[in-house]
Amino acid sequence: MPSTALPWKVLSSHAGVGVLTEGWTLDTVSAETDDVRTFITEIVFAAPFDTIPVVQLGLTGFDLDQRDSARITLKAENITAGGFQAVISTWAATRVFAVEFNWLAIGA
């Protein structure tokens, strides 16, 4: 039985967000809480995939306040054929001024 194999498609790029990005609040610490603070940025693929791809993120740079511990996470969420959300989080007294990352999407 013949099958039709879809060719692999690979897209990648670099992104940077920080205090000059609208909605950025990771540089603000509240004395009342140690809750997780999150910033979400939308990444749109230059050309959509036919199916939902696998997305890998790599942290390539950051600017953090030196007075406290460095706490940061970077995750890809809500992945679709057209893009994904990069979710950057910190907690406690850590103040994040900027984050840079590379992303790689592989799919059909």
Protein backbone atom coordinates (compact mmCIF):
# COMPACT_ATOMS: atom_id res chain seq x y z
CA MET A 1 0.00 0.00 0.00
CA PRO A 2 1.64 3.27 -1.06
CA SER A 3 1.82 6.13 1.40
CA THR A 4 2.39 9.76 0.79
CA ALA A 5 5.19 11.15 2.92
CA LEU A 6 5.05 14.84 3.71
CA PRO A 7 8.35 16.68 3.43
CA TRP A 8 9.80 18.08 6.65
CA LYS A 9 9.68 21.80 7.11
CA VAL A 10 12.06 23.65 9.45
CA LEU A 11 11.68 27.26 10.54
CA SER A 12 13.79 29.17 13.06
CA SER A 13 14.42 32.68 14.26
CA HIS A 14 15.58 34.88 17.12
CA ALA A 15 13.35 37.02 19.37
CA GLY A 16 13.96 39.58 22.07
CA VAL A 17 11.60 41.26 24.51
CA GLY A 18 12.09 43.52 27.50
CA VAL A 19 11.29 46.77 29.25
CA LEU A 20 10.65 48.56 25.94
CA THR A 21 8.07 45.91 24.94
CA GLU A 22 4.44 46.90 25.55
CA GLY A 23 3.00 45.08 28.56
CA TRP A 24 6.37 44.06 30.07
CA THR A 25 6.11 43.83 33.87
CA LEU A 26 8.82 41.34 34.83
CA ASP A 27 11.00 44.20 36.09
CA THR A 28 8.44 45.12 38.77
CA VAL A 29 8.43 43.36 42.14
CA SER A 30 5.56 43.50 44.60
CA ALA A 31 6.49 43.45 48.30
CA GLU A 32 3.24 41.68 49.17
CA THR A 33 3.71 38.54 47.10
CA ASP A 34 6.25 36.07 45.74
CA ASP A 35 3.85 34.89 43.02
CA VAL A 36 5.03 33.93 39.56
CA ARG A 37 5.02 36.84 37.11
CA THR A 38 4.63 36.01 33.43
CA PHE A 39 5.02 37.75 30.08
CA ILE A 40 3.67 36.15 26.89
CA THR A 41 4.85 37.05 23.40
CA GLU A 42 3.24 35.74 20.21
CA ILE A 43 5.49 34.17 17.59
CA VAL A 44 3.96 33.88 14.11
CA PHE A 45 5.58 31.55 11.58
CA ALA A 46 6.61 33.14 8.27
CA ALA A 47 4.82 30.26 6.54
CA PRO A 48 2.33 28.03 8.36
CA PHE A 49 2.87 24.30 8.77
CA ASP A 50 0.37 21.70 7.50
CA THR A 51 0.32 20.12 10.97
CA ILE A 52 1.27 21.26 14.47
CA PRO A 53 5.08 21.34 14.63
CA VAL A 54 7.44 20.55 17.46
CA VAL A 55 8.90 23.79 18.88
CA GLN A 56 12.19 24.08 20.78
CA LEU A 57 13.27 27.26 22.57
CA GLY A 58 16.77 28.22 23.65
CA LEU A 59 17.56 31.08 26.01
CA THR A 60 20.39 33.08 24.44
CA GLY A 61 20.50 36.18 26.61
CA PHE A 62 18.97 37.97 29.56
CA ASP A 63 19.32 41.12 31.63
CA LEU A 64 18.54 40.54 35.31
CA ASP A 65 18.94 42.72 38.39
CA GLN A 66 22.13 41.59 40.15
CA ARG A 67 20.78 42.17 43.68
CA ASP A 68 18.75 38.95 43.83
CA SER A 69 18.88 35.38 42.56
CA ALA A 70 18.42 34.77 38.84
CA ARG A 71 15.06 33.05 38.34
CA ILE A 72 13.65 32.65 34.83
CA THR A 73 11.77 30.08 32.78
CA LEU A 74 11.05 30.04 29.04
CA LYS A 75 8.37 27.76 27.54
CA ALA A 76 6.55 27.30 24.23
CA GLU A 77 2.79 26.99 24.75
CA ASN A 78 -0.38 27.02 22.62
CA ILE A 79 1.51 25.74 19.58
CA THR A 80 -0.51 25.81 16.36
CA ALA A 81 0.30 25.36 12.67
CA GLY A 82 0.61 29.15 12.44
CA GLY A 83 2.71 29.98 15.51
CA PHE A 84 3.05 29.71 19.29
CA GLN A 85 3.29 31.68 22.49
CA ALA A 86 6.66 32.10 24.20
CA VAL A 87 5.97 32.28 27.94
CA ILE A 88 8.65 33.94 30.08
CA SER A 89 8.26 33.72 33.85
CA THR A 90 10.05 34.79 37.00
CA TRP A 91 9.19 34.82 40.70
CA ALA A 92 10.16 36.11 44.14
CA ALA A 93 12.23 39.31 44.04
CA THR A 94 13.93 38.65 40.69
CA ARG A 95 13.67 41.58 38.29
CA VAL A 96 14.02 40.75 34.59
CA PHE A 97 14.75 43.62 32.22
CA ALA A 98 15.15 41.68 28.95
CA VAL A 99 15.15 38.17 27.50
CA GLU A 100 16.48 36.91 24.17
CA PHE A 101 15.84 33.47 22.74
CA ASN A 102 16.10 31.37 19.59
CA TRP A 103 13.30 29.11 18.45
CA LEU A 104 13.19 26.14 16.12
CA ALA A 105 10.00 24.61 14.71
CA ILE A 106 10.02 21.26 12.87
CA GLY A 107 6.98 19.71 11.25
CA ALA A 108 5.22 18.91 8.01
